[in-house]
Amino acid sequence: MFLCFLTEDKETRQKLLLEAAVFKVVNRQKYLEITEDREQAVEKDDVIVSLIADLQQEQDQESEKLVNEMQDKVTNLC
């Protein structure tokens, strides 16, 4: 019974993540159309590249933060 609950919960989370991803893609597409003053729809590849660029920026910031924290720990040990 507990395993069944976990499976249902997993399916619910997956559906929620899928809906969030669709929302994010559509939102970014509309944003790109507005900011680039396009008459035609933005290409799907352009939307994907834009989202991946944001993810890369987030990852870079997180990596920099972790490196700084590690350096602080090493400095405090010495």
PDB file of N, CA and C in Angstrom:
ATOM      1  N   MET A   1       0.817  -1.189   0.000  1.00  0.00           N
ATOM      2  CA  MET A   1       0.000   0.000   0.000  1.00  0.00           C
ATOM      3  C   MET A   1       0.868   1.263   0.000  1.00  0.00           C
ATOM      4  N   PHE A   2       1.901   1.280   0.804  1.00  0.00           N
ATOM      5  CA  PHE A   2       2.790   2.441   0.870  1.00  0.00           C
ATOM      6  C   PHE A   2       3.509   2.649  -0.462  1.00  0.00           C
ATOM      7  N   LEU A   3       3.903   1.559  -1.107  1.00  0.00           N
ATOM      8  CA  LEU A   3       4.574   1.640  -2.405  1.00  0.00           C
ATOM      9  C   LEU A   3       3.646   2.256  -3.444  1.00  0.00           C
ATOM     10  N   CYS A   4       2.378   1.902  -3.396  1.00  0.00           N
ATOM     11  CA  CYS A   4       1.381   2.460  -4.307  1.00  0.00           C
ATOM     12  C   CYS A   4       1.276   3.973  -4.108  1.00  0.00           C
ATOM     13  N   PHE A   5       1.291   4.407  -2.869  1.00  0.00           N
ATOM     14  CA  PHE A   5       1.226   5.841  -2.560  1.00  0.00           C
ATOM     15  C   PHE A   5       2.432   6.564  -3.148  1.00  0.00           C
ATOM     16  N   LEU A   6       3.616   5.968  -3.018  1.00  0.00           N
ATOM     17  CA  LEU A   6       4.815   6.596  -3.555  1.00  0.00           C
ATOM     18  C   LEU A   6       4.747   6.702  -5.072  1.00  0.00           C
ATOM     19  N   THR A   7       4.212   5.679  -5.737  1.00  0.00           N
ATOM     20  CA  THR A   7       4.098   5.690  -7.190  1.00  0.00           C
ATOM     21  C   THR A   7       3.142   6.790  -7.642  1.00  0.00           C
ATOM     22  N   GLU A   8       2.015   6.914  -6.965  1.00  0.00           N
ATOM     23  CA  GLU A   8       1.058   7.969  -7.296  1.00  0.00           C
ATOM     24  C   GLU A   8       1.672   9.346  -7.058  1.00  0.00           C
ATOM     25  N   ASP A   9       2.397   9.486  -5.967  1.00  0.00           N
ATOM     26  CA  ASP A   9       3.052  10.751  -5.658  1.00  0.00           C
ATOM     27  C   ASP A   9       4.095  11.080  -6.722  1.00  0.00           C
ATOM     28  N   LYS A  10       4.825  10.083  -7.164  1.00  0.00           N
ATOM     29  CA  LYS A  10       5.839  10.281  -8.200  1.00  0.00           C
ATOM     30  C   LYS A  10       5.180  10.727  -9.502  1.00  0.00           C
ATOM     31  N   GLU A  11       4.092  10.100  -9.863  1.00  0.00           N
ATOM     32  CA  GLU A  11       3.382  10.471 -11.085  1.00  0.00           C
ATOM     33  C   GLU A  11       2.840  11.895 -10.991  1.00  0.00           C
ATOM     34  N   THR A  12       2.338  12.259  -9.833  1.00  0.00           N
ATOM     35  CA  THR A  12       1.828  13.621  -9.629  1.00  0.00           C
ATOM     36  C   THR A  12       2.949  14.635  -9.764  1.00  0.00           C
ATOM     37  N   ARG A  13       4.096  14.343  -9.168  1.00  0.00           N
ATOM     38  CA  ARG A  13       5.240  15.255  -9.271  1.00  0.00           C
ATOM     39  C   ARG A  13       5.722  15.374 -10.715  1.00  0.00           C
ATOM     40  N   GLN A  14       5.740  14.258 -11.441  1.00  0.00           N
ATOM     41  CA  GLN A  14       6.170  14.291 -12.838  1.00  0.00           C
ATOM     42  C   GLN A  14       5.227  15.141 -13.683  1.00  0.00           C
ATOM     43  N   LYS A  15       3.922  14.994 -13.451  1.00  0.00           N
ATOM     44  CA  LYS A  15       2.949  15.810 -14.181  1.00  0.00           C
ATOM     45  C   LYS A  15       3.127  17.287 -13.852  1.00  0.00           C
ATOM     46  N   LEU A  16       3.359  17.576 -12.596  1.00  0.00           N
ATOM     47  CA  LEU A  16       3.561  18.960 -12.180  1.00  0.00           C
ATOM     48  C   LEU A  16       4.826  19.547 -12.810  1.00  0.00           C
ATOM     49  N   LEU A  17       5.900  18.770 -12.841  1.00  0.00           N
ATOM     50  CA  LEU A  17       7.136  19.235 -13.476  1.00  0.00           C
ATOM     51  C   LEU A  17       6.960  19.452 -14.971  1.00  0.00           C
ATOM     52  N   LEU A  18       6.210  18.572 -15.619  1.00  0.00           N
ATOM     53  CA  LEU A  18       5.947  18.722 -17.042  1.00  0.00           C
ATOM     54  C   LEU A  18       5.156  19.994 -17.314  1.00  0.00           C
ATOM     55  N   GLU A  19       4.126  20.240 -16.512  1.00  0.00           N
ATOM     56  CA  GLU A  19       3.343  21.464 -16.665  1.00  0.00           C
ATOM     57  C   GLU A  19       4.208  22.701 -16.442  1.00  0.00           C
ATOM     58  N   ALA A  20       5.076  22.646 -15.452  1.00  0.00           N
ATOM     59  CA  ALA A  20       5.963  23.778 -15.176  1.00  0.00           C
ATOM     60  C   ALA A  20       6.924  24.000 -16.341  1.00  0.00           C
ATOM     61  N   ALA A  21       7.424  22.925 -16.919  1.00  0.00           N
ATOM     62  CA  ALA A  21       8.340  23.048 -18.057  1.00  0.00           C
ATOM     63  C   ALA A  21       7.628  23.658 -19.260  1.00  0.00           C
ATOM     64  N   VAL A  22       6.422  23.207 -19.522  1.00  0.00           N
ATOM     65  CA  VAL A  22       5.650  23.769 -20.640  1.00  0.00           C
ATOM     66  C   VAL A  22       5.398  25.249 -20.400  1.00  0.00           C
ATOM     67  N   PHE A  23       5.016  25.593 -19.190  1.00  0.00           N
ATOM     68  CA  PHE A  23       4.793  26.999 -18.849  1.00  0.00           C
ATOM     69  C   PHE A  23       6.061  27.818 -19.071  1.00  0.00           C
ATOM     70  N   LYS A  24       7.192  27.290 -18.636  1.00  0.00           N
ATOM     71  CA  LYS A  24       8.466  27.992 -18.769  1.00  0.00           C
ATOM     72  C   LYS A  24       8.817  28.226 -20.243  1.00  0.00           C
ATOM     73  N   VAL A  25       8.615  27.210 -21.069  1.00  0.00           N
ATOM     74  CA  VAL A  25       8.934  27.319 -22.493  1.00  0.00           C
ATOM     75  C   VAL A  25       8.030  28.345 -23.178  1.00  0.00           C
ATOM     76  N   VAL A  26       6.733  28.263 -22.915  1.00  0.00           N
ATOM     77  CA  VAL A  26       5.794  29.197 -23.534  1.00  0.00           C
ATOM     78  C   VAL A  26       6.072  30.623 -23.056  1.00  0.00           C
ATOM     79  N   ASN A  27       6.328  30.776 -21.766  1.00  0.00           N
ATOM     80  CA  ASN A  27       6.637  32.088 -21.217  1.00  0.00           C
ATOM     81  C   ASN A  27       7.892  32.673 -21.857  1.00  0.00           C
ATOM     82  N   ARG A  28       8.926  31.846 -21.999  1.00  0.00           N
ATOM     83  CA  ARG A  28      10.167  32.333 -22.611  1.00  0.00           C
ATOM     84  C   ARG A  28       9.949  32.690 -24.080  1.00  0.00           C
ATOM     85  N   GLN A  29       9.151  31.892 -24.770  1.00  0.00           N
ATOM     86  CA  GLN A  29       8.869  32.177 -26.178  1.00  0.00           C
ATOM     87  C   GLN A  29       8.187  33.527 -26.325  1.00  0.00           C
ATOM     88  N   LYS A  30       7.200  33.778 -25.487  1.00  0.00           N
ATOM     89  CA  LYS A  30       6.493  35.068 -25.543  1.00  0.00           C
ATOM     90  C   LYS A  30       7.427  36.218 -25.168  1.00  0.00           C
ATOM     91  N   TYR A  31       8.271  35.995 -24.169  1.00  0.00           N
ATOM     92  CA  TYR A  31       9.238  37.016 -23.759  1.00  0.00           C
ATOM     93  C   TYR A  31      10.181  37.363 -24.913  1.00  0.00           C
ATOM     94  N   LEU A  32      10.690  36.338 -25.593  1.00  0.00           N
ATOM     95  CA  LEU A  32      11.597  36.574 -26.715  1.00  0.00           C
ATOM     96  C   LEU A  32      10.891  37.292 -27.857  1.00  0.00           C
ATOM     97  N   GLU A  33       9.643  36.953 -28.103  1.00  0.00           N
ATOM     98  CA  GLU A  33       8.884  37.627 -29.158  1.00  0.00           C
ATOM     99  C   GLU A  33       8.711  39.104 -28.845  1.00  0.00           C
ATOM    100  N   ILE A  34       8.445  39.406 -27.583  1.00  0.00           N
ATOM    101  CA  ILE A  34       8.227  40.806 -27.185  1.00  0.00           C
ATOM    102  C   ILE A  34       9.539  41.589 -27.214  1.00  0.00           C
ATOM    103  N   THR A  35      10.592  41.020 -26.647  1.00  0.00           N
ATOM    104  CA  THR A  35      11.854  41.755 -26.535  1.00  0.00           C
ATOM    105  C   THR A  35      12.583  41.882 -27.860  1.00  0.00           C
ATOM    106  N   GLU A  36      12.296  41.008 -28.787  1.00  0.00           N
ATOM    107  CA  GLU A  36      12.973  41.070 -30.090  1.00  0.00           C
ATOM    108  C   GLU A  36      12.075  41.665 -31.171  1.00  0.00           C
ATOM    109  N   ASP A  37      10.913  42.173 -30.769  1.00  0.00           N
ATOM    110  CA  ASP A  37       9.968  42.800 -31.708  1.00  0.00           C
ATOM    111  C   ASP A  37       9.761  41.962 -32.963  1.00  0.00           C
ATOM    112  N   ARG A  38       9.463  40.708 -32.765  1.00  0.00           N
ATOM    113  CA  ARG A  38       9.274  39.809 -33.901  1.00  0.00           C
ATOM    114  C   ARG A  38       7.817  39.791 -34.334  1.00  0.00           C
ATOM    115  N   GLU A  39       7.632  39.744 -35.643  1.00  0.00           N
ATOM    116  CA  GLU A  39       6.290  39.579 -36.199  1.00  0.00           C
ATOM    117  C   GLU A  39       5.931  38.094 -36.216  1.00  0.00           C
ATOM    118  N   GLN A  40       6.941  37.251 -36.420  1.00  0.00           N
ATOM    119  CA  GLN A  40       6.720  35.812 -36.486  1.00  0.00           C
ATOM    120  C   GLN A  40       7.085  35.176 -35.152  1.00  0.00           C
ATOM    121  N   ALA A  41       6.608  33.952 -34.983  1.00  0.00           N
ATOM    122  CA  ALA A  41       6.910  33.211 -33.754  1.00  0.00           C
ATOM    123  C   ALA A  41       8.404  32.928 -33.665  1.00  0.00           C
ATOM    124  N   VAL A  42       8.898  32.885 -32.456  1.00  0.00           N
ATOM    125  CA  VAL A  42      10.298  32.561 -32.202  1.00  0.00           C
ATOM    126  C   VAL A  42      10.496  31.066 -32.460  1.00  0.00           C
ATOM    127  N   GLU A  43      11.615  30.722 -33.065  1.00  0.00           N
ATOM    128  CA  GLU A  43      11.922  29.318 -33.339  1.00  0.00           C
ATOM    129  C   GLU A  43      12.088  28.550 -32.030  1.00  0.00           C
ATOM    130  N   LYS A  44      11.694  27.308 -32.064  1.00  0.00           N
ATOM    131  CA  LYS A  44      11.801  26.437 -30.893  1.00  0.00           C
ATOM    132  C   LYS A  44      13.253  26.342 -30.418  1.00  0.00           C
ATOM    133  N   ASP A  45      14.183  26.252 -31.355  1.00  0.00           N
ATOM    134  CA  ASP A  45      15.605  26.165 -30.997  1.00  0.00           C
ATOM    135  C   ASP A  45      16.083  27.415 -30.264  1.00  0.00           C
ATOM    136  N   ASP A  46      15.575  28.570 -30.658  1.00  0.00           N
ATOM    137  CA  ASP A  46      15.956  29.820 -29.984  1.00  0.00           C
ATOM    138  C   ASP A  46      15.481  29.833 -28.531  1.00  0.00           C
ATOM    139  N   VAL A  47      14.296  29.299 -28.314  1.00  0.00           N
ATOM    140  CA  VAL A  47      13.752  29.224 -26.955  1.00  0.00           C
ATOM    141  C   VAL A  47      14.610  28.286 -26.111  1.00  0.00           C
ATOM    142  N   ILE A  48      14.943  27.135 -26.677  1.00  0.00           N
ATOM    143  CA  ILE A  48      15.752  26.152 -25.954  1.00  0.00           C
ATOM    144  C   ILE A  48      17.131  26.718 -25.631  1.00  0.00           C
ATOM    145  N   VAL A  49      17.753  27.378 -26.593  1.00  0.00           N
ATOM    146  CA  VAL A  49      19.072  27.975 -26.363  1.00  0.00           C
ATOM    147  C   VAL A  49      18.999  29.018 -25.263  1.00  0.00           C
ATOM    148  N   SER A  50      17.958  29.807 -25.252  1.00  0.00           N
ATOM    149  CA  SER A  50      17.794  30.832 -24.224  1.00  0.00           C
ATOM    150  C   SER A  50      17.647  30.210 -22.839  1.00  0.00           C
ATOM    151  N   LEU A  51      16.849  29.156 -22.737  1.00  0.00           N
ATOM    152  CA  LEU A  51      16.668  28.482 -21.450  1.00  0.00           C
ATOM    153  C   LEU A  51      17.954  27.816 -20.982  1.00  0.00           C
ATOM    154  N   ILE A  52      18.674  27.196 -21.898  1.00  0.00           N
ATOM    155  CA  ILE A  52      19.940  26.546 -21.533  1.00  0.00           C
ATOM    156  C   ILE A  52      20.968  27.583 -21.109  1.00  0.00           C
ATOM    157  N   ALA A  53      20.972  28.733 -21.755  1.00  0.00           N
ATOM    158  CA  ALA A  53      21.896  29.805 -21.361  1.00  0.00           C
ATOM    159  C   ALA A  53      21.615  30.259 -19.935  1.00  0.00           C
ATOM    160  N   ASP A  54      20.336  30.368 -19.584  1.00  0.00           N
ATOM    161  CA  ASP A  54      19.979  30.732 -18.209  1.00  0.00           C
ATOM    162  C   ASP A  54      20.441  29.663 -17.219  1.00  0.00           C
ATOM    163  N   LEU A  55      20.231  28.402 -17.582  1.00  0.00           N
ATOM    164  CA  LEU A  55      20.676  27.315 -16.711  1.00  0.00           C
ATOM    165  C   LEU A  55      22.194  27.340 -16.528  1.00  0.00           C
ATOM    166  N   GLN A  56      22.912  27.611 -17.613  1.00  0.00           N
ATOM    167  CA  GLN A  56      24.369  27.677 -17.533  1.00  0.00           C
ATOM    168  C   GLN A  56      24.811  28.810 -16.615  1.00  0.00           C
ATOM    169  N   GLN A  57      24.136  29.939 -16.709  1.00  0.00           N
ATOM    170  CA  GLN A  57      24.468  31.074 -15.853  1.00  0.00           C
ATOM    171  C   GLN A  57      24.218  30.732 -14.387  1.00  0.00           C
ATOM    172  N   GLU A  58      23.099  30.079 -14.107  1.00  0.00           N
ATOM    173  CA  GLU A  58      22.804  29.653 -12.738  1.00  0.00           C
ATOM    174  C   GLU A  58      23.865  28.682 -12.230  1.00  0.00           C
ATOM    175  N   GLN A  59      24.256  27.752 -13.079  1.00  0.00           N
ATOM    176  CA  GLN A  59      25.261  26.773 -12.689  1.00  0.00           C
ATOM    177  C   GLN A  59      26.610  27.445 -12.433  1.00  0.00           C
ATOM    178  N   ASP A  60      26.973  28.393 -13.267  1.00  0.00           N
ATOM    179  CA  ASP A  60      28.227  29.120 -13.074  1.00  0.00           C
ATOM    180  C   ASP A  60      28.225  29.879 -11.744  1.00  0.00           C
ATOM    181  N   GLN A  61      27.107  30.527 -11.437  1.00  0.00           N
ATOM    182  CA  GLN A  61      27.009  31.269 -10.179  1.00  0.00           C
ATOM    183  C   GLN A  61      27.090  30.329  -8.978  1.00  0.00           C
ATOM    184  N   GLU A  62      26.419  29.186  -9.076  1.00  0.00           N
ATOM    185  CA  GLU A  62      26.454  28.214  -7.985  1.00  0.00           C
ATOM    186  C   GLU A  62      27.861  27.644  -7.813  1.00  0.00           C
ATOM    187  N   SER A  63      28.537  27.370  -8.927  1.00  0.00           N
ATOM    188  CA  SER A  63      29.900  26.846  -8.860  1.00  0.00           C
ATOM    189  C   SER A  63      30.841  27.858  -8.223  1.00  0.00           C
ATOM    190  N   GLU A  64      30.697  29.122  -8.608  1.00  0.00           N
ATOM    191  CA  GLU A  64      31.537  30.170  -8.030  1.00  0.00           C
ATOM    192  C   GLU A  64      31.305  30.276  -6.525  1.00  0.00           C
ATOM    193  N   LYS A  65      30.063  30.188  -6.126  1.00  0.00           N
ATOM    194  CA  LYS A  65      29.719  30.250  -4.706  1.00  0.00           C
ATOM    195  C   LYS A  65      30.355  29.081  -3.943  1.00  0.00           C
ATOM    196  N   LEU A  66      30.263  27.878  -4.500  1.00  0.00           N
ATOM    197  CA  LEU A  66      30.848  26.706  -3.842  1.00  0.00           C
ATOM    198  C   LEU A  66      32.365  26.799  -3.752  1.00  0.00           C
ATOM    199  N   VAL A  67      33.000  27.277  -4.811  1.00  0.00           N
ATOM    200  CA  VAL A  67      34.456  27.426  -4.797  1.00  0.00           C
ATOM    201  C   VAL A  67      34.864  28.434  -3.728  1.00  0.00           C
ATOM    202  N   ASN A  68      34.143  29.539  -3.638  1.00  0.00           N
ATOM    203  CA  ASN A  68      34.452  30.548  -2.618  1.00  0.00           C
ATOM    204  C   ASN A  68      34.275  29.992  -1.208  1.00  0.00           C
ATOM    205  N   GLU A  69      33.223  29.199  -1.004  1.00  0.00           N
ATOM    206  CA  GLU A  69      33.009  28.582   0.302  1.00  0.00           C
ATOM    207  C   GLU A  69      34.133  27.613   0.642  1.00  0.00           C
ATOM    208  N   MET A  70      34.572  26.853  -0.341  1.00  0.00           N
ATOM    209  CA  MET A  70      35.672  25.912  -0.111  1.00  0.00           C
ATOM    210  C   MET A  70      36.963  26.657   0.203  1.00  0.00           C
ATOM    211  N   GLN A  71      37.209  27.762  -0.502  1.00  0.00           N
ATOM    212  CA  GLN A  71      38.411  28.544  -0.238  1.00  0.00           C
ATOM    213  C   GLN A  71      38.359  29.123   1.168  1.00  0.00           C
ATOM    214  N   ASP A  72      37.196  29.568   1.594  1.00  0.00           N
ATOM    215  CA  ASP A  72      37.054  30.103   2.945  1.00  0.00           C
ATOM    216  C   ASP A  72      37.350  29.032   3.995  1.00  0.00           C
ATOM    217  N   LYS A  73      36.887  27.805   3.748  1.00  0.00           N
ATOM    218  CA  LYS A  73      37.150  26.713   4.684  1.00  0.00           C
ATOM    219  C   LYS A  73      38.621  26.377   4.745  1.00  0.00           C
ATOM    220  N   VAL A  74      39.288  26.381   3.601  1.00  0.00           N
ATOM    221  CA  VAL A  74      40.718  26.094   3.572  1.00  0.00           C
ATOM    222  C   VAL A  74      41.480  27.195   4.284  1.00  0.00           C
ATOM    223  N   THR A  75      41.082  28.441   4.050  1.00  0.00           N
ATOM    224  CA  THR A  75      41.738  29.576   4.697  1.00  0.00           C
ATOM    225  C   THR A  75      41.581  29.511   6.207  1.00  0.00           C
ATOM    226  N   ASN A  76      40.409  29.114   6.662  1.00  0.00           N
ATOM    227  CA  ASN A  76      40.149  29.018   8.100  1.00  0.00           C
ATOM    228  C   ASN A  76      40.920  27.861   8.744  1.00  0.00           C
ATOM    229  N   LEU A  77      41.254  26.833   7.992  1.00  0.00           N
ATOM    230  CA  LEU A  77      42.016  25.708   8.518  1.00  0.00           C
ATOM    231  C   LEU A  77      43.495  26.052   8.729  1.00  0.00           C
ATOM    232  N   CYS A  78      43.974  26.961   7.927  1.00  0.00           N
ATOM    233  CA  CYS A  78      45.407  27.310   7.978  1.00  0.00           C
ATOM    234  C   CYS A  78      45.724  28.271   9.087  1.00  0.00           C
TER     235      CYS A  78
END
